[in-house]
Amino acid sequence: MSDMLTSFLLVAIPTVIAITLHEAAHGYAALWMGDDTARQAGRLSLNPLRHIDRFGTILLPGFLLLSQLLTIGHVAFMFGWAKPVPVAAWRFRDPRRGMMVVAAAGPGMNFLLAWIGAVALHLAPLMSSMQGAQALLLTFLFYFMLANIVLGIFNLLPIPPLDGGRIAVGLLPEAAARVWARTERAGLLIVLLAVFLLPTVLRQFGIAYDPVRSLLGSVTEPVFRVLLTLAGRPAAGMALLGDGQDI
């Protein structure tokens, strides 16, 4: 039981940090551009409780986490979301471009945090005399990097209301941007169908169709390696990736 609790915390804590700072980054980016809506709503906070969505932050990730620990003994895939930070785009000088910058701030924060996690690998050799503590640190940093990289990549999918969808709206010509922005109402439903329902149903018929997870799997490891190299820890990082951890 204690091992399972440790495993739970080693995954849950990095995930909560990744989601919390992702949402806070949106609010700070909006504030920097002249919109204090998030601050007025109390969402410019590092308190995770301010950003929790009951289903997206607790129930769904908790189910995925426990089910994987009980079945395969480790965490291979996580998914979740927090309450969106309120933004009043009309306060920006250019609302469409402003929303693009605010949207990009979330994934940008996650990639920055993942790089910080890679830099923190420099601490591991200092703990060589404490093998248990060193192993915990390496496992924590692995999941810290993984949570941030996956959250960052997933949110860059160009589907509103994901950040990538709002970035696409800022980059597309105005007519196309208006059409694409209208898909936001059904965007979350589309994501849930693509990530969970459709792959599960097709798996029952022996059809391996899981494009979102395949994309994450193919992109996450290269991003992991790039960040480790930028942090000056490619060798330690390759050892971490080679310890049987799933990405």
C-alpha atoms as a PDB file:
ATOM      1  CA  MET A   1       0.000   0.000   0.000  1.00  0.00           C
ATOM      2  CA  SER A   2       2.826   2.407   0.859  1.00  0.00           C
ATOM      3  CA  ASP A   3       4.502   1.684  -2.501  1.00  0.00           C
ATOM      4  CA  MET A   4       1.268   2.454  -4.335  1.00  0.00           C
ATOM      5  CA  LEU A   5       0.815   5.684  -2.367  1.00  0.00           C
ATOM      6  CA  THR A   6       4.383   6.700  -3.206  1.00  0.00           C
ATOM      7  CA  SER A   7       3.801   5.930  -6.884  1.00  0.00           C
ATOM      8  CA  PHE A   8       0.549   7.900  -6.777  1.00  0.00           C
ATOM      9  CA  LEU A   9       2.222  10.957  -5.252  1.00  0.00           C
ATOM     10  CA  LEU A  10       5.204  10.798  -7.625  1.00  0.00           C
ATOM     11  CA  VAL A  11       2.778  11.165 -10.529  1.00  0.00           C
ATOM     12  CA  ALA A  12       0.023  13.267  -8.960  1.00  0.00           C
ATOM     13  CA  ILE A  13       2.244  16.058  -7.602  1.00  0.00           C
ATOM     14  CA  PRO A  14       4.021  16.783 -10.922  1.00  0.00           C
ATOM     15  CA  THR A  15       0.673  16.679 -12.731  1.00  0.00           C
ATOM     16  CA  VAL A  16      -0.930  19.173 -10.333  1.00  0.00           C
ATOM     17  CA  ILE A  17       2.085  21.505 -10.637  1.00  0.00           C
ATOM     18  CA  ALA A  18       2.001  21.271 -14.437  1.00  0.00           C
ATOM     19  CA  ILE A  19      -1.720  22.055 -14.659  1.00  0.00           C
ATOM     20  CA  THR A  20      -1.611  24.839 -12.043  1.00  0.00           C
ATOM     21  CA  LEU A  21       1.285  26.751 -13.610  1.00  0.00           C
ATOM     22  CA  HIS A  22      -0.124  26.185 -17.097  1.00  0.00           C
ATOM     23  CA  GLU A  23      -3.336  27.982 -16.109  1.00  0.00           C
ATOM     24  CA  ALA A  24      -1.537  30.678 -14.111  1.00  0.00           C
ATOM     25  CA  ALA A  25       0.627  31.402 -17.178  1.00  0.00           C
ATOM     26  CA  HIS A  26      -2.503  32.189 -19.203  1.00  0.00           C
ATOM     27  CA  GLY A  27      -3.626  34.668 -16.565  1.00  0.00           C
ATOM     28  CA  TYR A  28      -0.259  36.379 -16.232  1.00  0.00           C
ATOM     29  CA  ALA A  29       0.078  36.666 -20.016  1.00  0.00           C
ATOM     30  CA  ALA A  30      -3.349  38.313 -20.203  1.00  0.00           C
ATOM     31  CA  LEU A  31      -2.448  40.670 -17.343  1.00  0.00           C
ATOM     32  CA  TRP A  32       0.794  41.623 -19.090  1.00  0.00           C
ATOM     33  CA  MET A  33      -1.265  42.537 -22.157  1.00  0.00           C
ATOM     34  CA  GLY A  34      -3.719  44.690 -20.192  1.00  0.00           C
ATOM     35  CA  ASP A  35      -6.499  42.327 -19.077  1.00  0.00           C
ATOM     36  CA  ASP A  36      -6.840  41.866 -15.312  1.00  0.00           C
ATOM     37  CA  THR A  37      -9.944  39.627 -15.484  1.00  0.00           C
ATOM     38  CA  ALA A  38      -8.055  36.613 -14.131  1.00  0.00           C
ATOM     39  CA  ARG A  39      -6.652  38.664 -11.258  1.00  0.00           C
ATOM     40  CA  GLN A  40     -10.100  40.003 -10.377  1.00  0.00           C
ATOM     41  CA  ALA A  41     -11.426  36.422 -10.386  1.00  0.00           C
ATOM     42  CA  GLY A  42      -8.659  35.258  -8.050  1.00  0.00           C
ATOM     43  CA  ARG A  43      -7.098  33.027 -10.702  1.00  0.00           C
ATOM     44  CA  LEU A  44      -3.609  34.573 -10.669  1.00  0.00           C
ATOM     45  CA  SER A  45      -2.705  32.061  -8.014  1.00  0.00           C
ATOM     46  CA  LEU A  46      -0.282  29.197  -7.506  1.00  0.00           C
ATOM     47  CA  ASN A  47      -2.841  27.542  -5.258  1.00  0.00           C
ATOM     48  CA  PRO A  48      -3.995  24.434  -7.195  1.00  0.00           C
ATOM     49  CA  LEU A  49      -7.414  24.595  -5.526  1.00  0.00           C
ATOM     50  CA  ARG A  50      -8.174  27.798  -7.458  1.00  0.00           C
ATOM     51  CA  HIS A  51      -7.775  25.972 -10.770  1.00  0.00           C
ATOM     52  CA  ILE A  52      -9.407  22.606 -10.050  1.00  0.00           C
ATOM     53  CA  ASP A  53     -12.129  21.260 -12.300  1.00  0.00           C
ATOM     54  CA  ARG A  54     -13.873  18.462 -10.403  1.00  0.00           C
ATOM     55  CA  PHE A  55     -13.995  16.069 -13.362  1.00  0.00           C
ATOM     56  CA  GLY A  56     -11.006  17.159 -15.459  1.00  0.00           C
ATOM     57  CA  THR A  57      -8.532  17.660 -12.601  1.00  0.00           C
ATOM     58  CA  ILE A  58      -9.618  15.045 -10.059  1.00  0.00           C
ATOM     59  CA  LEU A  59     -11.976  12.321 -11.272  1.00  0.00           C
ATOM     60  CA  LEU A  60     -10.596  11.572 -14.741  1.00  0.00           C
ATOM     61  CA  PRO A  61      -6.849  11.781 -13.934  1.00  0.00           C
ATOM     62  CA  GLY A  62      -7.443   9.887 -10.683  1.00  0.00           C
ATOM     63  CA  PHE A  63      -9.248   7.101 -12.522  1.00  0.00           C
ATOM     64  CA  LEU A  64      -6.496   6.859 -15.151  1.00  0.00           C
ATOM     65  CA  LEU A  65      -3.781   6.911 -12.508  1.00  0.00           C
ATOM     66  CA  LEU A  66      -5.258   4.261 -10.203  1.00  0.00           C
ATOM     67  CA  SER A  67      -6.417   1.985 -13.015  1.00  0.00           C
ATOM     68  CA  GLN A  68      -2.943   1.916 -14.552  1.00  0.00           C
ATOM     69  CA  LEU A  69      -1.194   1.370 -11.206  1.00  0.00           C
ATOM     70  CA  LEU A  70      -3.551  -1.513 -10.425  1.00  0.00           C
ATOM     71  CA  THR A  71      -3.324  -3.139 -13.860  1.00  0.00           C
ATOM     72  CA  ILE A  72       0.105  -2.520 -15.397  1.00  0.00           C
ATOM     73  CA  GLY A  73       1.947  -1.288 -12.302  1.00  0.00           C
ATOM     74  CA  HIS A  74       3.019   2.083 -13.696  1.00  0.00           C
ATOM     75  CA  VAL A  75       1.600   5.136 -15.415  1.00  0.00           C
ATOM     76  CA  ALA A  76       1.807   5.108 -19.206  1.00  0.00           C
ATOM     77  CA  PHE A  77      -0.794   7.753 -20.075  1.00  0.00           C
ATOM     78  CA  MET A  78      -2.444  10.696 -18.331  1.00  0.00           C
ATOM     79  CA  PHE A  79      -5.060  13.201 -19.396  1.00  0.00           C
ATOM     80  CA  GLY A  80      -6.931  16.000 -17.669  1.00  0.00           C
ATOM     81  CA  TRP A  81      -7.644  19.703 -17.570  1.00  0.00           C
ATOM     82  CA  ALA A  82      -8.286  22.585 -15.177  1.00  0.00           C
ATOM     83  CA  LYS A  83     -10.881  25.346 -15.133  1.00  0.00           C
ATOM     84  CA  PRO A  84     -10.095  27.766 -17.950  1.00  0.00           C
ATOM     85  CA  VAL A  85      -8.680  31.091 -16.799  1.00  0.00           C
ATOM     86  CA  PRO A  86     -11.162  33.887 -17.672  1.00  0.00           C
ATOM     87  CA  VAL A  87      -9.847  36.277 -20.308  1.00  0.00           C
ATOM     88  CA  ALA A  88     -11.568  39.363 -21.761  1.00  0.00           C
ATOM     89  CA  ALA A  89     -10.057  39.438 -25.241  1.00  0.00           C
ATOM     90  CA  TRP A  90     -11.766  42.746 -26.091  1.00  0.00           C
ATOM     91  CA  ARG A  91      -9.325  44.461 -23.733  1.00  0.00           C
ATOM     92  CA  PHE A  92      -6.388  43.604 -25.977  1.00  0.00           C
ATOM     93  CA  ARG A  93      -5.262  46.012 -28.675  1.00  0.00           C
ATOM     94  CA  ASP A  94      -5.640  43.151 -31.173  1.00  0.00           C
ATOM     95  CA  PRO A  95      -8.033  40.602 -29.609  1.00  0.00           C
ATOM     96  CA  ARG A  96      -7.270  37.763 -32.023  1.00  0.00           C
ATOM     97  CA  ARG A  97      -3.492  38.091 -31.738  1.00  0.00           C
ATOM     98  CA  GLY A  98      -3.771  38.754 -28.022  1.00  0.00           C
ATOM     99  CA  MET A  99      -5.653  35.515 -27.441  1.00  0.00           C
ATOM    100  CA  MET A 100      -3.000  33.712 -29.477  1.00  0.00           C
ATOM    101  CA  VAL A 101      -0.274  34.983 -27.129  1.00  0.00           C
ATOM    102  CA  VAL A 102      -2.322  34.118 -24.032  1.00  0.00           C
ATOM    103  CA  ALA A 103      -2.970  30.618 -25.391  1.00  0.00           C
ATOM    104  CA  ALA A 104       0.711  30.046 -26.202  1.00  0.00           C
ATOM    105  CA  ALA A 105       1.742  31.023 -22.656  1.00  0.00           C
ATOM    106  CA  GLY A 106       0.303  27.800 -21.182  1.00  0.00           C
ATOM    107  CA  PRO A 107       2.283  25.279 -23.265  1.00  0.00           C
ATOM    108  CA  GLY A 108       5.274  27.619 -23.127  1.00  0.00           C
ATOM    109  CA  MET A 109       5.211  27.408 -19.333  1.00  0.00           C
ATOM    110  CA  ASN A 110       5.033  23.614 -19.490  1.00  0.00           C
ATOM    111  CA  PHE A 111       8.071  23.342 -21.747  1.00  0.00           C
ATOM    112  CA  LEU A 112       9.962  25.750 -19.478  1.00  0.00           C
ATOM    113  CA  LEU A 113       9.078  23.641 -16.436  1.00  0.00           C
ATOM    114  CA  ALA A 114      10.154  20.468 -18.236  1.00  0.00           C
ATOM    115  CA  TRP A 115      13.518  22.093 -18.993  1.00  0.00           C
ATOM    116  CA  ILE A 116      13.860  23.102 -15.324  1.00  0.00           C
ATOM    117  CA  GLY A 117      13.208  19.462 -14.429  1.00  0.00           C
ATOM    118  CA  ALA A 118      15.995  18.423 -16.797  1.00  0.00           C
ATOM    119  CA  VAL A 119      18.358  20.953 -15.210  1.00  0.00           C
ATOM    120  CA  ALA A 120      17.467  19.542 -11.783  1.00  0.00           C
ATOM    121  CA  LEU A 121      18.964  16.206 -12.879  1.00  0.00           C
ATOM    122  CA  HIS A 122      22.305  17.806 -12.038  1.00  0.00           C
ATOM    123  CA  LEU A 123      21.335  17.269  -8.383  1.00  0.00           C
ATOM    124  CA  ALA A 124      21.148  13.476  -8.725  1.00  0.00           C
ATOM    125  CA  PRO A 125      24.913  12.769  -8.549  1.00  0.00           C
ATOM    126  CA  LEU A 126      25.059  14.751  -5.300  1.00  0.00           C
ATOM    127  CA  MET A 127      22.750  12.138  -3.764  1.00  0.00           C
ATOM    128  CA  SER A 128      24.747   9.077  -4.840  1.00  0.00           C
ATOM    129  CA  SER A 129      25.326   8.103  -1.197  1.00  0.00           C
ATOM    130  CA  MET A 130      21.547   7.982  -0.633  1.00  0.00           C
ATOM    131  CA  GLN A 131      20.367   5.547  -3.279  1.00  0.00           C
ATOM    132  CA  GLY A 132      16.756   5.474  -2.107  1.00  0.00           C
ATOM    133  CA  ALA A 133      16.480   9.259  -2.148  1.00  0.00           C
ATOM    134  CA  GLN A 134      18.275   9.445  -5.482  1.00  0.00           C
ATOM    135  CA  ALA A 135      15.858   6.949  -7.042  1.00  0.00           C
ATOM    136  CA  LEU A 136      12.877   8.941  -5.744  1.00  0.00           C
ATOM    137  CA  LEU A 137      14.321  12.168  -7.124  1.00  0.00           C
ATOM    138  CA  LEU A 138      14.961  10.636 -10.554  1.00  0.00           C
ATOM    139  CA  THR A 139      11.456   9.155 -10.691  1.00  0.00           C
ATOM    140  CA  PHE A 140       9.888  12.449  -9.611  1.00  0.00           C
ATOM    141  CA  LEU A 141      11.864  14.417 -12.200  1.00  0.00           C
ATOM    142  CA  PHE A 142      10.958  11.927 -14.913  1.00  0.00           C
ATOM    143  CA  TYR A 143       7.241  12.310 -14.211  1.00  0.00           C
ATOM    144  CA  PHE A 144       7.624  16.067 -13.732  1.00  0.00           C
ATOM    145  CA  MET A 145       9.156  16.368 -17.196  1.00  0.00           C
ATOM    146  CA  LEU A 146       6.702  13.888 -18.683  1.00  0.00           C
ATOM    147  CA  ALA A 147       3.609  15.634 -17.265  1.00  0.00           C
ATOM    148  CA  ASN A 148       4.727  19.011 -18.564  1.00  0.00           C
ATOM    149  CA  ILE A 149       5.817  17.778 -21.987  1.00  0.00           C
ATOM    150  CA  VAL A 150       2.618  15.797 -22.587  1.00  0.00           C
ATOM    151  CA  LEU A 151       0.424  18.657 -21.337  1.00  0.00           C
ATOM    152  CA  GLY A 152       2.308  21.120 -23.516  1.00  0.00           C
ATOM    153  CA  ILE A 153       2.153  18.986 -26.658  1.00  0.00           C
ATOM    154  CA  PHE A 154      -1.463  17.959 -26.167  1.00  0.00           C
ATOM    155  CA  ASN A 155      -2.592  21.548 -25.723  1.00  0.00           C
ATOM    156  CA  LEU A 156      -0.912  22.492 -28.989  1.00  0.00           C
ATOM    157  CA  LEU A 157      -3.318  20.306 -30.970  1.00  0.00           C
ATOM    158  CA  PRO A 158      -5.080  22.818 -33.263  1.00  0.00           C
ATOM    159  CA  ILE A 159      -8.572  22.119 -31.941  1.00  0.00           C
ATOM    160  CA  PRO A 160     -10.483  24.799 -30.023  1.00  0.00           C
ATOM    161  CA  PRO A 161     -10.781  25.115 -27.047  1.00  0.00           C
ATOM    162  CA  LEU A 162      -7.265  23.700 -26.710  1.00  0.00           C
ATOM    163  CA  ASP A 163      -4.501  26.301 -26.805  1.00  0.00           C
ATOM    164  CA  GLY A 164      -3.393  25.126 -30.236  1.00  0.00           C
ATOM    165  CA  GLY A 165      -6.856  25.848 -31.591  1.00  0.00           C
ATOM    166  CA  ARG A 166      -6.722  29.410 -30.295  1.00  0.00           C
ATOM    167  CA  ILE A 167      -3.213  29.836 -31.688  1.00  0.00           C
ATOM    168  CA  ALA A 168      -4.539  28.636 -35.052  1.00  0.00           C
ATOM    169  CA  VAL A 169      -7.364  31.205 -34.859  1.00  0.00           C
ATOM    170  CA  GLY A 170      -4.726  33.908 -34.373  1.00  0.00           C
ATOM    171  CA  LEU A 171      -2.665  32.723 -37.342  1.00  0.00           C
ATOM    172  CA  LEU A 172      -5.387  31.964 -39.902  1.00  0.00           C
ATOM    173  CA  PRO A 173      -6.837  34.588 -42.242  1.00  0.00           C
ATOM    174  CA  GLU A 174      -9.794  36.314 -40.622  1.00  0.00           C
ATOM    175  CA  ALA A 175     -12.528  34.483 -42.550  1.00  0.00           C
ATOM    176  CA  ALA A 176     -11.013  31.065 -41.862  1.00  0.00           C
ATOM    177  CA  ALA A 177     -10.329  32.055 -38.249  1.00  0.00           C
ATOM    178  CA  ARG A 178     -14.016  32.835 -37.677  1.00  0.00           C
ATOM    179  CA  VAL A 179     -15.051  29.441 -39.043  1.00  0.00           C
ATOM    180  CA  TRP A 180     -12.431  27.628 -36.972  1.00  0.00           C
ATOM    181  CA  ALA A 181     -13.328  29.550 -33.794  1.00  0.00           C
ATOM    182  CA  ARG A 182     -16.945  28.355 -34.090  1.00  0.00           C
ATOM    183  CA  THR A 183     -15.804  24.762 -33.578  1.00  0.00           C
ATOM    184  CA  GLU A 184     -14.904  25.652 -29.965  1.00  0.00           C
ATOM    185  CA  ARG A 185     -18.400  24.769 -28.777  1.00  0.00           C
ATOM    186  CA  ALA A 186     -17.893  21.162 -29.811  1.00  0.00           C
ATOM    187  CA  GLY A 187     -14.119  21.109 -29.392  1.00  0.00           C
ATOM    188  CA  LEU A 188     -13.932  19.396 -26.020  1.00  0.00           C
ATOM    189  CA  LEU A 189     -16.427  16.773 -27.162  1.00  0.00           C
ATOM    190  CA  ILE A 190     -14.328  16.148 -30.276  1.00  0.00           C
ATOM    191  CA  VAL A 191     -11.214  15.749 -28.123  1.00  0.00           C
ATOM    192  CA  LEU A 192     -12.901  13.315 -25.720  1.00  0.00           C
ATOM    193  CA  LEU A 193     -14.251  11.250 -28.602  1.00  0.00           C
ATOM    194  CA  ALA A 194     -10.871  11.164 -30.350  1.00  0.00           C
ATOM    195  CA  VAL A 195      -8.850  10.428 -27.212  1.00  0.00           C
ATOM    196  CA  PHE A 196     -11.119   7.984 -25.373  1.00  0.00           C
ATOM    197  CA  LEU A 197     -14.369   6.810 -26.907  1.00  0.00           C
ATOM    198  CA  LEU A 198     -13.458   6.072 -30.533  1.00  0.00           C
ATOM    199  CA  PRO A 199     -10.157   4.228 -29.783  1.00  0.00           C
ATOM    200  CA  THR A 200     -11.900   2.174 -27.059  1.00  0.00           C
ATOM    201  CA  VAL A 201     -14.809   1.183 -29.305  1.00  0.00           C
ATOM    202  CA  LEU A 202     -12.564   0.309 -32.251  1.00  0.00           C
ATOM    203  CA  ARG A 203     -10.274  -1.726 -29.976  1.00  0.00           C
ATOM    204  CA  GLN A 204     -13.210  -4.020 -29.267  1.00  0.00           C
ATOM    205  CA  PHE A 205     -13.267  -4.832 -32.987  1.00  0.00           C
ATOM    206  CA  GLY A 206      -9.530  -5.429 -33.156  1.00  0.00           C
ATOM    207  CA  ILE A 207      -8.808  -2.082 -34.817  1.00  0.00           C
ATOM    208  CA  ALA A 208      -5.808  -0.218 -33.417  1.00  0.00           C
ATOM    209  CA  TYR A 209      -6.803   3.405 -34.018  1.00  0.00           C
ATOM    210  CA  ASP A 210      -5.517   5.917 -31.487  1.00  0.00           C
ATOM    211  CA  PRO A 211      -4.106   8.905 -33.404  1.00  0.00           C
ATOM    212  CA  VAL A 212      -3.806  11.284 -30.438  1.00  0.00           C
ATOM    213  CA  ARG A 213      -1.893   8.839 -28.269  1.00  0.00           C
ATOM    214  CA  SER A 214       0.258   7.824 -31.256  1.00  0.00           C
ATOM    215  CA  LEU A 215       1.089  11.489 -31.861  1.00  0.00           C
ATOM    216  CA  LEU A 216       1.974  12.044 -28.225  1.00  0.00           C
ATOM    217  CA  GLY A 217       4.101   8.909 -28.189  1.00  0.00           C
ATOM    218  CA  SER A 218       6.009   9.863 -31.323  1.00  0.00           C
ATOM    219  CA  VAL A 219       6.628  13.497 -30.338  1.00  0.00           C
ATOM    220  CA  THR A 220       7.167  13.269 -26.579  1.00  0.00           C
ATOM    221  CA  GLU A 221      10.429  11.339 -26.597  1.00  0.00           C
ATOM    222  CA  PRO A 222      12.193  13.648 -29.110  1.00  0.00           C
ATOM    223  CA  VAL A 223      11.099  16.694 -27.067  1.00  0.00           C
ATOM    224  CA  PHE A 224      12.315  14.925 -23.917  1.00  0.00           C
ATOM    225  CA  ARG A 225      15.721  14.357 -25.522  1.00  0.00           C
ATOM    226  CA  VAL A 226      16.020  17.932 -26.797  1.00  0.00           C
ATOM    227  CA  LEU A 227      15.269  19.392 -23.363  1.00  0.00           C
ATOM    228  CA  LEU A 228      17.762  17.035 -21.705  1.00  0.00           C
ATOM    229  CA  THR A 229      20.417  18.096 -24.192  1.00  0.00           C
ATOM    230  CA  LEU A 230      19.645  21.799 -23.642  1.00  0.00           C
ATOM    231  CA  ALA A 231      19.989  21.186 -19.900  1.00  0.00           C
ATOM    232  CA  GLY A 232      23.390  19.538 -20.369  1.00  0.00           C
ATOM    233  CA  ARG A 233      22.186  16.157 -19.051  1.00  0.00           C
ATOM    234  CA  PRO A 234      21.727  13.943 -22.138  1.00  0.00           C
ATOM    235  CA  ALA A 235      23.541  10.922 -20.636  1.00  0.00           C
ATOM    236  CA  ALA A 236      21.558  10.962 -17.373  1.00  0.00           C
ATOM    237  CA  GLY A 237      18.386  11.516 -19.330  1.00  0.00           C
ATOM    238  CA  MET A 238      19.020   8.591 -21.638  1.00  0.00           C
ATOM    239  CA  ALA A 239      19.549   6.380 -18.586  1.00  0.00           C
ATOM    240  CA  LEU A 240      16.244   7.673 -17.229  1.00  0.00           C
ATOM    241  CA  LEU A 241      14.482   6.846 -20.486  1.00  0.00           C
ATOM    242  CA  GLY A 242      16.095   3.431 -20.523  1.00  0.00           C
ATOM    243  CA  ASP A 243      14.874   2.375 -17.090  1.00  0.00           C
ATOM    244  CA  GLY A 244      11.653   0.950 -18.480  1.00  0.00           C
ATOM    245  CA  GLN A 245       9.650   4.152 -18.106  1.00  0.00           C
ATOM    246  CA  ASP A 246       6.859   4.565 -20.652  1.00  0.00           C
ATOM    247  CA  ILE A 247       6.366   7.783 -22.560  1.00  0.00           C
END
